[in-house]
């Protein structure tokens, strides 16, 4: 299947998105057009949206159990939230984004793709009102938002006890995790590991730091 711009979807896209492949192709078109024009996607990224962005994000659904609520913190152009919602329509996805122009784009994407399992909230993870309204979520995702130590402070208060933070990272993920060990202990998390998603599906699997909150969630030891 090709996008409106004539770009051929890679073979992995059909496996990852299944019956929602056409919507995924349309999303790639929106990123390459309006996303670039509005400065949400760098112009150099337009030719590599599938591998570096859309599929890279969608495969983290391997780590998420069925039917849970997910918050995508700092969603930007909808990454990873929109690809994840397309690959896993059983999830209830909230895209959390503070910037008005990005929020407007996200609403347009949702309308264009007819996504029934996605909502947009304008705000920051550290906002008191956001924490009150979204606290108790099963999974929080983040991509290119901040270092792990800062993400812990922002995201743990949103998570349910035994909830999970899935932070998409690069090759230095293990080093970043090691450097954050002190912050992880202070936060009282139950477990933190580096996981690979899309093995056998993507040429370059996605690296994720997976943090599982402790029994008290983000309220433990002064977090939140």
N, C-alpha and C. Protein backbone atom coordinates (compact mmCIF):
# COMPACT_ATOMS: atom_id res chain seq x y z
N UNK A 1 0.85 -1.20 0.00
CA UNK A 1 0.00 0.00 0.00
C UNK A 1 0.88 1.24 0.00
N UNK A 2 0.45 2.27 -0.73
CA UNK A 2 1.21 3.51 -0.80
C UNK A 2 0.45 4.64 -0.14
N UNK A 3 1.20 5.68 0.27
CA UNK A 3 0.58 6.88 0.81
C UNK A 3 0.10 7.74 -0.35
N UNK A 4 -0.60 8.83 -0.04
CA UNK A 4 -1.06 9.74 -1.07
C UNK A 4 0.11 10.36 -1.82
N UNK A 5 1.24 10.48 -1.13
CA UNK A 5 2.43 11.07 -1.75
C UNK A 5 3.18 10.05 -2.59
N UNK A 6 2.69 8.82 -2.64
CA UNK A 6 3.32 7.80 -3.46
C UNK A 6 4.38 6.98 -2.76
N UNK A 7 4.57 7.20 -1.46
CA UNK A 7 5.57 6.43 -0.71
C UNK A 7 5.03 5.05 -0.39
N UNK A 8 5.79 4.04 -0.70
CA UNK A 8 5.38 2.67 -0.45
C UNK A 8 5.55 2.34 1.02
N UNK A 9 4.51 1.83 1.65
CA UNK A 9 4.61 1.40 3.04
C UNK A 9 5.49 0.16 3.11
N UNK A 10 6.41 0.08 4.07
CA UNK A 10 7.25 -1.11 4.19
C UNK A 10 6.43 -2.33 4.56
N UNK A 11 6.98 -3.50 4.28
CA UNK A 11 6.25 -4.74 4.54
C UNK A 11 5.86 -4.87 6.00
N UNK A 12 6.71 -4.37 6.89
CA UNK A 12 6.43 -4.48 8.32
C UNK A 12 5.16 -3.72 8.71
N UNK A 13 4.80 -2.70 7.95
CA UNK A 13 3.63 -1.89 8.31
C UNK A 13 2.35 -2.72 8.31
N UNK A 14 2.20 -3.60 7.33
CA UNK A 14 1.00 -4.44 7.27
C UNK A 14 0.93 -5.36 8.48
N UNK A 15 2.07 -5.87 8.92
CA UNK A 15 2.10 -6.75 10.09
C UNK A 15 1.76 -5.99 11.37
N UNK A 16 2.28 -4.78 11.49
CA UNK A 16 2.10 -4.00 12.71
C UNK A 16 0.71 -3.39 12.80
N UNK A 17 0.19 -2.85 11.69
CA UNK A 17 -1.07 -2.12 11.73
C UNK A 17 -2.28 -2.93 11.29
N UNK A 18 -2.07 -4.03 10.59
CA UNK A 18 -3.17 -4.90 10.21
C UNK A 18 -4.26 -4.15 9.47
N UNK A 19 -5.51 -4.25 9.93
CA UNK A 19 -6.63 -3.61 9.21
C UNK A 19 -6.58 -2.08 9.26
N UNK A 20 -5.71 -1.51 10.08
CA UNK A 20 -5.60 -0.05 10.16
C UNK A 20 -4.42 0.49 9.33
N UNK A 21 -3.95 -0.33 8.39
CA UNK A 21 -2.82 0.11 7.57
C UNK A 21 -3.14 1.36 6.77
N UNK A 22 -4.34 1.44 6.20
CA UNK A 22 -4.69 2.61 5.40
C UNK A 22 -4.67 3.88 6.25
N UNK A 23 -5.12 3.79 7.49
CA UNK A 23 -5.07 4.94 8.39
C UNK A 23 -3.63 5.31 8.72
N UNK A 24 -2.78 4.31 8.89
CA UNK A 24 -1.37 4.59 9.16
C UNK A 24 -0.72 5.30 7.98
N UNK A 25 -1.08 4.89 6.76
CA UNK A 25 -0.56 5.56 5.57
C UNK A 25 -1.03 7.02 5.52
N UNK A 26 -2.27 7.24 5.87
CA UNK A 26 -2.79 8.60 5.88
C UNK A 26 -2.08 9.45 6.93
N UNK A 27 -1.77 8.85 8.07
CA UNK A 27 -1.05 9.57 9.11
C UNK A 27 0.34 9.97 8.62
N UNK A 28 1.01 9.08 7.92
CA UNK A 28 2.32 9.41 7.35
C UNK A 28 2.19 10.59 6.39
N UNK A 29 1.13 10.60 5.58
CA UNK A 29 0.89 11.74 4.68
C UNK A 29 0.73 13.04 5.46
N UNK A 30 -0.03 13.00 6.55
CA UNK A 30 -0.25 14.20 7.35
C UNK A 30 1.04 14.69 7.98
N UNK A 31 1.87 13.78 8.45
CA UNK A 31 3.16 14.17 9.01
C UNK A 31 4.06 14.80 7.95
N UNK A 32 4.09 14.19 6.77
CA UNK A 32 4.97 14.67 5.71
C UNK A 32 4.52 16.00 5.13
N UNK A 33 3.23 16.30 5.23
CA UNK A 33 2.68 17.53 4.67
C UNK A 33 2.52 18.58 5.77
N UNK A 34 1.40 18.56 6.46
CA UNK A 34 1.12 19.57 7.49
C UNK A 34 2.13 19.51 8.62
N UNK A 35 2.58 18.31 8.97
CA UNK A 35 3.55 18.17 10.06
C UNK A 35 4.85 18.90 9.77
N UNK A 36 5.31 18.80 8.54
CA UNK A 36 6.55 19.50 8.15
C UNK A 36 6.29 20.99 8.01
N UNK A 37 5.20 21.37 7.34
CA UNK A 37 4.89 22.79 7.13
C UNK A 37 4.75 23.57 8.43
N UNK A 38 4.21 22.90 9.45
CA UNK A 38 3.99 23.56 10.73
C UNK A 38 5.17 23.41 11.70
N UNK A 39 6.22 22.80 11.25
CA UNK A 39 7.40 22.66 12.08
C UNK A 39 7.32 21.60 13.14
N UNK A 40 6.39 20.65 12.99
CA UNK A 40 6.27 19.58 13.96
C UNK A 40 7.19 18.41 13.63
N UNK A 41 7.55 18.31 12.38
CA UNK A 41 8.47 17.28 11.89
C UNK A 41 9.55 17.98 11.07
N UNK A 42 10.80 17.65 11.32
CA UNK A 42 11.89 18.24 10.54
C UNK A 42 11.81 17.84 9.08
N UNK A 43 12.12 18.74 8.15
CA UNK A 43 12.02 18.42 6.72
C UNK A 43 12.88 17.23 6.31
N UNK A 44 13.98 17.03 6.99
CA UNK A 44 14.85 15.89 6.67
C UNK A 44 14.24 14.56 7.08
N UNK A 45 13.23 14.61 7.95
CA UNK A 45 12.60 13.38 8.43
C UNK A 45 11.49 12.89 7.51
N UNK A 46 11.07 13.73 6.57
CA UNK A 46 9.91 13.39 5.73
C UNK A 46 10.10 12.10 4.95
N UNK A 47 11.33 11.80 4.56
CA UNK A 47 11.57 10.60 3.77
C UNK A 47 11.82 9.34 4.59
N UNK A 48 11.80 9.45 5.90
CA UNK A 48 12.05 8.28 6.74
C UNK A 48 11.07 8.19 7.90
N UNK A 49 9.84 8.59 7.62
CA UNK A 49 8.83 8.62 8.67
C UNK A 49 8.43 7.21 9.13
N UNK A 50 8.33 6.29 8.20
CA UNK A 50 7.91 4.94 8.58
C UNK A 50 8.86 4.32 9.58
N UNK A 51 10.12 4.19 9.21
CA UNK A 51 11.07 3.43 10.03
C UNK A 51 11.48 4.16 11.30
N UNK A 52 11.76 5.46 11.20
CA UNK A 52 12.31 6.20 12.34
C UNK A 52 11.24 6.72 13.29
N UNK A 53 10.01 6.77 12.85
CA UNK A 53 8.99 7.40 13.67
C UNK A 53 7.74 6.52 13.86
N UNK A 54 7.05 6.20 12.80
CA UNK A 54 5.74 5.56 12.93
C UNK A 54 5.85 4.11 13.39
N UNK A 55 6.59 3.29 12.67
CA UNK A 55 6.76 1.90 13.09
C UNK A 55 7.55 1.80 14.38
N UNK A 56 8.56 2.64 14.51
CA UNK A 56 9.39 2.68 15.70
C UNK A 56 8.54 2.88 16.96
N UNK A 57 7.49 3.67 16.84
CA UNK A 57 6.60 3.93 17.97
C UNK A 57 5.56 2.83 18.15
N UNK A 58 4.99 2.37 17.06
CA UNK A 58 3.88 1.43 17.15
C UNK A 58 4.24 0.12 17.84
N UNK A 59 5.48 -0.34 17.65
CA UNK A 59 5.85 -1.66 18.18
C UNK A 59 5.96 -1.71 19.69
N UNK A 60 5.96 -0.56 20.38
CA UNK A 60 6.03 -0.63 21.84
C UNK A 60 4.73 -1.20 22.41
N UNK A 61 3.71 -1.34 21.56
CA UNK A 61 2.49 -2.00 22.00
C UNK A 61 2.72 -3.43 22.47
N UNK A 62 3.84 -4.02 22.08
CA UNK A 62 4.19 -5.36 22.55
C UNK A 62 4.29 -5.42 24.07
N UNK A 63 4.59 -4.30 24.68
CA UNK A 63 4.82 -4.27 26.13
C UNK A 63 3.56 -3.93 26.93
N UNK A 64 2.46 -3.66 26.25
CA UNK A 64 1.26 -3.16 26.93
C UNK A 64 0.17 -4.24 26.93
N UNK A 65 -0.37 -4.50 28.10
CA UNK A 65 -1.42 -5.51 28.21
C UNK A 65 -2.72 -4.99 27.59
N UNK A 66 -3.65 -5.86 27.28
CA UNK A 66 -4.87 -5.47 26.56
C UNK A 66 -5.77 -4.52 27.35
N UNK A 67 -6.39 -3.59 26.61
CA UNK A 67 -7.51 -2.82 27.11
C UNK A 67 -7.24 -1.78 28.17
N UNK A 68 -6.00 -1.35 28.34
CA UNK A 68 -5.70 -0.40 29.41
C UNK A 68 -5.69 1.03 28.89
N UNK A 69 -5.64 1.98 29.84
CA UNK A 69 -5.54 3.40 29.50
C UNK A 69 -4.07 3.79 29.42
N UNK A 70 -3.74 4.61 28.42
CA UNK A 70 -2.37 5.04 28.17
C UNK A 70 -2.34 6.55 28.02
N UNK A 71 -1.36 7.21 28.64
CA UNK A 71 -1.13 8.64 28.43
C UNK A 71 0.19 8.80 27.68
N UNK A 72 0.16 9.54 26.58
CA UNK A 72 1.37 9.87 25.84
C UNK A 72 1.79 11.29 26.24
N UNK A 73 2.84 11.40 27.04
CA UNK A 73 3.28 12.68 27.59
C UNK A 73 4.14 13.42 26.57
N UNK A 74 3.82 14.70 26.35
CA UNK A 74 4.56 15.48 25.37
C UNK A 74 4.40 14.91 23.98
N UNK A 75 3.16 14.70 23.57
CA UNK A 75 2.87 13.91 22.37
C UNK A 75 3.38 14.56 21.08
N UNK A 76 3.49 15.89 21.05
CA UNK A 76 4.02 16.56 19.87
C UNK A 76 3.14 16.35 18.65
N UNK A 77 3.70 15.69 17.64
CA UNK A 77 2.95 15.39 16.42
C UNK A 77 2.16 14.09 16.54
N UNK A 78 2.09 13.55 17.77
CA UNK A 78 1.34 12.31 17.98
C UNK A 78 2.20 11.08 18.09
N UNK A 79 3.47 11.27 18.43
CA UNK A 79 4.41 10.16 18.53
C UNK A 79 4.86 9.98 19.97
N UNK A 80 4.63 8.80 20.54
CA UNK A 80 4.18 7.55 19.91
C UNK A 80 2.68 7.30 19.95
N UNK A 81 1.88 8.22 20.49
CA UNK A 81 0.49 7.93 20.78
C UNK A 81 -0.36 7.51 19.61
N UNK A 82 -0.26 8.22 18.47
CA UNK A 82 -1.12 7.89 17.33
C UNK A 82 -0.77 6.54 16.70
N UNK A 83 0.51 6.26 16.39
CA UNK A 83 0.82 4.93 15.86
C UNK A 83 0.43 3.81 16.83
N UNK A 84 0.61 4.07 18.12
CA UNK A 84 0.25 3.06 19.12
C UNK A 84 -1.25 2.82 19.12
N UNK A 85 -2.03 3.88 19.02
CA UNK A 85 -3.49 3.74 18.98
C UNK A 85 -3.96 3.01 17.72
N UNK A 86 -3.26 3.21 16.60
CA UNK A 86 -3.61 2.51 15.37
C UNK A 86 -3.25 1.02 15.44
N UNK A 87 -2.09 0.74 16.02
CA UNK A 87 -1.65 -0.65 16.13
C UNK A 87 -2.41 -1.41 17.20
N UNK A 88 -2.88 -0.68 18.22
CA UNK A 88 -3.59 -1.29 19.35
C UNK A 88 -4.90 -0.56 19.62
N UNK A 89 -5.91 -0.78 18.79
CA UNK A 89 -7.18 -0.06 18.96
C UNK A 89 -7.93 -0.43 20.23
N UNK A 90 -7.46 -1.46 20.94
CA UNK A 90 -8.07 -1.82 22.22
C UNK A 90 -7.68 -0.86 23.34
N UNK A 91 -6.64 -0.05 23.13
CA UNK A 91 -6.16 0.86 24.16
C UNK A 91 -6.97 2.15 24.18
N UNK A 92 -7.09 2.75 25.35
CA UNK A 92 -7.71 4.07 25.50
C UNK A 92 -6.57 5.08 25.63
N UNK A 93 -6.34 5.88 24.58
CA UNK A 93 -5.15 6.72 24.47
C UNK A 93 -5.46 8.19 24.74
N UNK A 94 -4.68 8.80 25.61
CA UNK A 94 -4.74 10.24 25.84
C UNK A 94 -3.43 10.87 25.39
N UNK A 95 -3.53 11.86 24.51
CA UNK A 95 -2.35 12.59 24.02
C UNK A 95 -2.23 13.87 24.85
N UNK A 96 -1.19 13.96 25.65
CA UNK A 96 -0.99 15.12 26.52
C UNK A 96 0.08 16.03 25.90
N UNK A 97 -0.32 17.26 25.56
CA UNK A 97 0.58 18.17 24.84
C UNK A 97 0.27 19.61 25.25
N UNK A 98 1.28 20.42 25.62
CA UNK A 98 1.01 21.78 26.08
C UNK A 98 0.89 22.84 24.99
N UNK A 99 1.49 22.63 23.81
CA UNK A 99 1.56 23.68 22.80
C UNK A 99 0.32 23.70 21.91
N UNK A 100 -0.28 24.90 21.75
CA UNK A 100 -1.55 25.03 21.05
C UNK A 100 -1.48 24.55 19.61
N UNK A 101 -0.41 24.88 18.88
CA UNK A 101 -0.35 24.49 17.47
C UNK A 101 -0.23 22.98 17.32
N UNK A 102 0.42 22.33 18.26
CA UNK A 102 0.50 20.88 18.23
C UNK A 102 -0.83 20.24 18.59
N UNK A 103 -1.49 20.82 19.57
CA UNK A 103 -2.81 20.32 19.97
C UNK A 103 -3.79 20.42 18.79
N UNK A 104 -3.74 21.55 18.06
CA UNK A 104 -4.61 21.72 16.89
C UNK A 104 -4.34 20.64 15.86
N UNK A 105 -3.07 20.34 15.60
CA UNK A 105 -2.71 19.30 14.65
C UNK A 105 -3.22 17.94 15.13
N UNK A 106 -3.09 17.65 16.40
CA UNK A 106 -3.54 16.36 16.92
C UNK A 106 -5.05 16.19 16.76
N UNK A 107 -5.80 17.25 17.00
CA UNK A 107 -7.25 17.17 16.79
C UNK A 107 -7.57 16.90 15.31
N UNK A 108 -6.83 17.53 14.42
CA UNK A 108 -7.05 17.30 12.99
C UNK A 108 -6.73 15.85 12.61
N UNK A 109 -5.67 15.31 13.18
CA UNK A 109 -5.29 13.92 12.91
C UNK A 109 -6.39 12.98 13.38
N UNK A 110 -6.88 13.19 14.60
CA UNK A 110 -7.93 12.33 15.14
C UNK A 110 -9.18 12.37 14.26
N UNK A 111 -9.56 13.57 13.83
CA UNK A 111 -10.74 13.69 12.97
C UNK A 111 -10.51 13.03 11.62
N UNK A 112 -9.36 13.28 11.03
CA UNK A 112 -9.05 12.74 9.70
C UNK A 112 -9.00 11.22 9.71
N UNK A 113 -8.44 10.64 10.76
CA UNK A 113 -8.28 9.19 10.82
C UNK A 113 -9.48 8.50 11.46
N UNK A 114 -10.39 9.28 12.03
CA UNK A 114 -11.56 8.69 12.66
C UNK A 114 -11.23 7.86 13.88
N UNK A 115 -10.27 8.32 14.67
CA UNK A 115 -9.82 7.56 15.83
C UNK A 115 -10.80 7.72 16.99
N UNK A 116 -11.44 6.63 17.37
CA UNK A 116 -12.42 6.65 18.44
C UNK A 116 -11.80 6.39 19.81
N UNK A 117 -10.57 5.91 19.82
CA UNK A 117 -9.94 5.54 21.09
C UNK A 117 -8.89 6.55 21.55
N UNK A 118 -8.93 7.78 20.98
CA UNK A 118 -7.91 8.78 21.28
C UNK A 118 -8.57 10.10 21.68
N UNK A 119 -8.05 10.71 22.75
CA UNK A 119 -8.45 12.05 23.14
C UNK A 119 -7.20 12.91 23.33
N UNK A 120 -7.38 14.22 23.25
CA UNK A 120 -6.26 15.15 23.41
C UNK A 120 -6.52 16.02 24.64
N UNK A 121 -5.50 16.18 25.46
CA UNK A 121 -5.56 17.06 26.61
C UNK A 121 -4.42 18.06 26.49
N UNK A 122 -4.77 19.36 26.55
CA UNK A 122 -3.71 20.36 26.51
C UNK A 122 -3.20 20.61 27.93
N UNK A 123 -1.92 20.40 28.15
CA UNK A 123 -1.35 20.60 29.47
C UNK A 123 -0.01 19.90 29.57
N UNK A 124 0.58 20.02 30.76
CA UNK A 124 1.87 19.40 31.06
C UNK A 124 1.69 18.35 32.15
N UNK A 125 2.54 17.35 32.13
CA UNK A 125 2.42 16.28 33.11
C UNK A 125 2.58 16.78 34.54
N UNK A 126 3.32 17.88 34.71
CA UNK A 126 3.56 18.40 36.05
C UNK A 126 2.46 19.33 36.55
N UNK A 127 1.48 19.66 35.69
CA UNK A 127 0.38 20.54 36.10
C UNK A 127 -0.51 19.84 37.13
N UNK A 128 -0.87 20.57 38.17
CA UNK A 128 -1.70 19.99 39.23
C UNK A 128 -3.03 19.48 38.69
N UNK A 129 -3.67 20.27 37.82
CA UNK A 129 -4.96 19.86 37.27
C UNK A 129 -4.84 18.60 36.44
N UNK A 130 -3.77 18.49 35.67
CA UNK A 130 -3.54 17.28 34.86
C UNK A 130 -3.35 16.08 35.76
N UNK A 131 -2.56 16.24 36.81
CA UNK A 131 -2.32 15.12 37.71
C UNK A 131 -3.60 14.66 38.39
N UNK A 132 -4.43 15.60 38.75
CA UNK A 132 -5.68 15.23 39.41
C UNK A 132 -6.62 14.49 38.47
N UNK A 133 -6.68 14.94 37.22
CA UNK A 133 -7.64 14.35 36.28
C UNK A 133 -7.17 13.05 35.67
N UNK A 134 -5.85 12.87 35.54
CA UNK A 134 -5.33 11.69 34.83
C UNK A 134 -4.63 10.69 35.74
N UNK A 135 -4.53 10.98 37.01
CA UNK A 135 -3.84 10.08 37.94
C UNK A 135 -4.50 8.71 37.96
N UNK A 136 -3.65 7.69 38.07
CA UNK A 136 -4.15 6.32 38.13
C UNK A 136 -4.14 5.60 36.81
N UNK A 137 -3.36 6.11 35.85
CA UNK A 137 -3.29 5.51 34.52
C UNK A 137 -2.35 4.31 34.52
N UNK A 138 -2.70 3.31 33.74
CA UNK A 138 -1.93 2.07 33.72
C UNK A 138 -0.56 2.24 33.07
N UNK A 139 -0.49 3.00 31.97
CA UNK A 139 0.75 3.13 31.20
C UNK A 139 0.94 4.58 30.78
N UNK A 140 2.17 5.07 30.93
CA UNK A 140 2.55 6.39 30.43
C UNK A 140 3.69 6.19 29.44
N UNK A 141 3.58 6.84 28.27
CA UNK A 141 4.65 6.75 27.27
C UNK A 141 5.30 8.12 27.08
N UNK A 142 6.53 8.10 26.62
CA UNK A 142 7.25 9.34 26.34
C UNK A 142 8.32 9.06 25.29
N UNK A 143 8.51 10.02 24.41
CA UNK A 143 9.53 9.90 23.36
C UNK A 143 10.18 11.26 23.14
N UNK A 144 11.49 11.32 23.31
CA UNK A 144 12.25 12.55 23.07
C UNK A 144 11.70 13.72 23.87
N UNK A 145 11.32 13.45 25.13
CA UNK A 145 10.76 14.49 25.98
C UNK A 145 11.79 15.03 26.96
N UNK A 146 12.47 14.13 27.68
CA UNK A 146 13.45 14.53 28.69
C UNK A 146 14.24 13.32 29.12
N UNK A 147 15.26 13.56 29.92
CA UNK A 147 16.03 12.47 30.50
C UNK A 147 15.20 11.69 31.50
N UNK A 148 15.64 10.48 31.80
CA UNK A 148 14.85 9.60 32.65
C UNK A 148 14.62 10.18 34.04
N UNK A 149 15.61 10.85 34.61
CA UNK A 149 15.43 11.39 35.95
C UNK A 149 14.30 12.41 36.00
N UNK A 150 14.19 13.27 34.97
CA UNK A 150 13.09 14.25 34.92
C UNK A 150 11.77 13.58 34.59
N UNK A 151 11.80 12.58 33.72
CA UNK A 151 10.57 11.87 33.39
C UNK A 151 9.94 11.22 34.61
N UNK A 152 10.77 10.70 35.50
CA UNK A 152 10.24 10.07 36.70
C UNK A 152 9.39 11.04 37.51
N UNK A 153 9.92 12.26 37.69
CA UNK A 153 9.19 13.26 38.45
C UNK A 153 7.90 13.68 37.79
N UNK A 154 7.88 13.71 36.46
CA UNK A 154 6.69 14.12 35.72
C UNK A 154 5.66 13.01 35.61
N UNK A 155 6.13 11.79 35.35
CA UNK A 155 5.22 10.72 34.95
C UNK A 155 4.75 9.82 36.09
N UNK A 156 5.57 9.58 37.08
CA UNK A 156 5.15 8.69 38.16
C UNK A 156 3.86 9.15 38.84
N UNK A 157 3.65 10.46 39.06
CA UNK A 157 2.40 10.87 39.69
C UNK A 157 1.15 10.57 38.87
N UNK A 158 1.30 10.30 37.59
CA UNK A 158 0.16 9.98 36.74
C UNK A 158 -0.18 8.49 36.77
N UNK A 159 0.74 7.68 37.31
CA UNK A 159 0.63 6.24 37.16
C UNK A 159 -0.07 5.57 38.34
N UNK A 160 -0.81 4.53 38.03
CA UNK A 160 -1.43 3.69 39.05
C UNK A 160 -0.34 2.88 39.75
N UNK A 161 -0.62 2.37 40.95
CA UNK A 161 0.31 1.42 41.56
C UNK A 161 0.58 0.27 40.59
N UNK A 162 1.85 -0.06 40.46
CA UNK A 162 2.29 -1.07 39.48
C UNK A 162 2.04 -0.62 38.05
N UNK A 163 1.84 0.68 37.84
CA UNK A 163 1.75 1.22 36.48
C UNK A 163 3.12 1.25 35.83
N UNK A 164 3.15 1.53 34.52
CA UNK A 164 4.40 1.45 33.78
C UNK A 164 4.67 2.73 32.99
N UNK A 165 5.93 3.14 33.01
CA UNK A 165 6.44 4.19 32.13
C UNK A 165 7.24 3.52 31.03
N UNK A 166 6.90 3.80 29.78
CA UNK A 166 7.63 3.29 28.63
C UNK A 166 8.26 4.48 27.93
N UNK A 167 9.56 4.64 28.11
CA UNK A 167 10.29 5.77 27.54
C UNK A 167 11.13 5.29 26.37
N UNK A 168 10.79 5.74 25.16
CA UNK A 168 11.54 5.35 23.96
C UNK A 168 12.88 6.07 23.96
N UNK A 169 13.95 5.30 23.85
CA UNK A 169 15.30 5.84 23.92
C UNK A 169 16.14 5.29 22.77
N UNK A 170 17.39 5.72 22.71
CA UNK A 170 18.30 5.26 21.68
C UNK A 170 19.31 4.26 22.23
N UNK A 171 20.46 4.21 21.59
CA UNK A 171 21.47 3.21 21.94
C UNK A 171 22.05 3.42 23.34
N UNK A 172 21.94 4.63 23.87
CA UNK A 172 22.51 4.91 25.19
C UNK A 172 21.52 4.65 26.32
N UNK A 173 20.47 3.91 26.04
CA UNK A 173 19.41 3.68 27.04
C UNK A 173 19.96 3.05 28.32
N UNK A 174 20.80 2.04 28.18
CA UNK A 174 21.32 1.37 29.37
C UNK A 174 22.16 2.32 30.22
N UNK A 175 22.98 3.13 29.56
CA UNK A 175 23.79 4.10 30.29
C UNK A 175 22.90 5.12 31.01
N UNK A 176 21.84 5.56 30.34
CA UNK A 176 20.92 6.51 30.97
C UNK A 176 20.22 5.87 32.16
N UNK A 177 19.85 4.62 32.02
CA UNK A 177 19.21 3.91 33.13
C UNK A 177 20.16 3.78 34.31
N UNK A 178 21.40 3.44 34.03
CA UNK A 178 22.40 3.29 35.10
C UNK A 178 22.61 4.61 35.84
N UNK A 179 22.64 5.71 35.09
CA UNK A 179 22.85 7.02 35.69
C UNK A 179 21.68 7.45 36.56
N UNK A 180 20.50 6.91 36.27
CA UNK A 180 19.29 7.30 37.00
C UNK A 180 18.99 6.38 38.18
N UNK A 181 19.88 5.47 38.52
CA UNK A 181 19.59 4.50 39.58
C UNK A 181 19.25 5.18 40.90
N UNK A 182 19.95 6.26 41.23
CA UNK A 182 19.67 6.96 42.47
C UNK A 182 18.26 7.54 42.48
N UNK A 183 17.88 8.17 41.36
CA UNK A 183 16.53 8.73 41.26
C UNK A 183 15.47 7.63 41.31
N UNK A 184 15.78 6.49 40.74
CA UNK A 184 14.84 5.38 40.76
C UNK A 184 14.63 4.88 42.19
N UNK A 185 15.71 4.83 42.97
CA UNK A 185 15.59 4.39 44.37
C UNK A 185 14.76 5.40 45.17
N UNK A 186 15.02 6.69 44.97
CA UNK A 186 14.26 7.71 45.69
C UNK A 186 12.78 7.62 45.35
N UNK A 187 12.49 7.37 44.08
CA UNK A 187 11.10 7.28 43.64
C UNK A 187 10.41 6.01 44.11
N UNK A 188 11.18 5.04 44.57
CA UNK A 188 10.59 3.81 45.06
C UNK A 188 10.00 2.93 43.99
N UNK A 189 10.58 2.96 42.78
CA UNK A 189 10.03 2.13 41.71
C UNK A 189 10.31 0.66 41.99
N UNK A 190 9.46 -0.18 41.45
CA UNK A 190 9.60 -1.62 41.68
C UNK A 190 10.63 -2.25 40.76
N UNK A 191 10.73 -1.74 39.53
CA UNK A 191 11.61 -2.39 38.55
C UNK A 191 11.89 -1.44 37.40
N UNK A 192 13.08 -1.48 36.85
CA UNK A 192 13.43 -0.68 35.68
C UNK A 192 14.37 -1.49 34.79
N UNK A 193 14.00 -1.65 33.53
CA UNK A 193 14.77 -2.47 32.60
C UNK A 193 14.82 -1.82 31.23
N UNK A 194 15.74 -2.27 30.41
CA UNK A 194 15.81 -1.88 29.00
C UNK A 194 15.23 -3.01 28.17
N UNK A 195 14.27 -2.67 27.31
CA UNK A 195 13.59 -3.67 26.48
C UNK A 195 13.75 -3.32 25.00
N UNK A 196 13.73 -4.35 24.15
CA UNK A 196 13.73 -4.16 22.70
C UNK A 196 12.38 -4.58 22.15
N UNK A 197 11.79 -3.73 21.33
CA UNK A 197 10.48 -4.02 20.72
C UNK A 197 10.63 -4.10 19.21
N UNK A 198 9.84 -4.95 18.59
CA UNK A 198 9.90 -5.10 17.14
C UNK A 198 11.00 -6.00 16.65
N UNK A 199 11.56 -6.82 17.52
CA UNK A 199 12.61 -7.76 17.11
C UNK A 199 12.01 -8.75 16.11
N UNK A 200 12.67 -8.92 14.97
CA UNK A 200 12.16 -9.80 13.93
C UNK A 200 11.14 -9.14 13.02
N UNK A 201 10.74 -7.91 13.37
CA UNK A 201 9.79 -7.16 12.55
C UNK A 201 10.47 -5.95 11.92
N UNK A 202 11.21 -5.20 12.72
CA UNK A 202 11.92 -4.02 12.26
C UNK A 202 13.41 -4.32 12.07
N UNK A 203 14.02 -3.67 11.11
CA UNK A 203 15.46 -3.81 10.92
C UNK A 203 16.20 -3.31 12.15
N UNK A 204 15.73 -2.18 12.69
CA UNK A 204 16.31 -1.62 13.90
C UNK A 204 15.23 -1.60 14.99
N UNK A 205 15.22 -2.58 15.88
CA UNK A 205 14.21 -2.62 16.93
C UNK A 205 14.24 -1.36 17.79
N UNK A 206 13.12 -1.09 18.41
CA UNK A 206 12.97 0.09 19.26
C UNK A 206 13.46 -0.22 20.68
N UNK A 207 14.28 0.68 21.21
CA UNK A 207 14.80 0.53 22.57
C UNK A 207 13.93 1.32 23.53
N UNK A 208 13.48 0.67 24.59
CA UNK A 208 12.58 1.28 25.55
C UNK A 208 13.11 1.08 26.97
N UNK A 209 13.11 2.14 27.76
CA UNK A 209 13.32 1.98 29.20
C UNK A 209 11.95 1.79 29.82
N UNK A 210 11.78 0.67 30.49
CA UNK A 210 10.50 0.30 31.09
C UNK A 210 10.60 0.40 32.61
N UNK A 211 9.81 1.28 33.19
CA UNK A 211 9.84 1.51 34.63
C UNK A 211 8.49 1.11 35.21
N UNK A 212 8.49 0.26 36.20
CA UNK A 212 7.27 -0.17 36.88
C UNK A 212 7.22 0.50 38.24
N UNK A 213 6.14 1.23 38.52
CA UNK A 213 6.04 1.95 39.79
C UNK A 213 5.80 0.99 40.95
N UNK A 214 6.13 1.47 42.15
CA UNK A 214 5.94 0.66 43.34
C UNK A 214 4.49 0.62 43.77
N UNK A 215 4.21 -0.05 44.88
CA UNK A 215 2.82 -0.21 45.35
C UNK A 215 2.08 1.10 45.60
N UNK A 216 2.83 2.15 45.96
CA UNK A 216 2.19 3.43 46.22
C UNK A 216 2.10 4.34 45.02
N UNK A 217 2.53 3.85 43.85
CA UNK A 217 2.54 4.69 42.65
C UNK A 217 3.43 5.89 42.85
N UNK A 218 3.10 7.04 42.21
CA UNK A 218 3.92 8.23 42.28
C UNK A 218 3.85 8.97 43.60
N UNK A 219 2.98 8.53 44.51
CA UNK A 219 2.86 9.23 45.79
C UNK A 219 3.93 8.79 46.78
N UNK A 220 4.66 7.73 46.47
CA UNK A 220 5.65 7.23 47.40
C UNK A 220 6.86 8.16 47.49
N UNK A 221 7.36 8.36 48.68
CA UNK A 221 8.58 9.12 48.94
C UNK A 221 8.57 10.51 48.31
N UNK A 222 7.45 11.15 48.40
CA UNK A 222 7.39 12.55 48.00
C UNK A 222 7.28 12.80 46.53
N UNK A 223 7.10 11.78 45.72
CA UNK A 223 6.95 11.98 44.28
C UNK A 223 5.49 12.30 44.00
N UNK A 224 5.24 13.41 43.30
CA UNK A 224 3.86 13.77 42.94
C UNK A 224 3.25 14.72 43.94
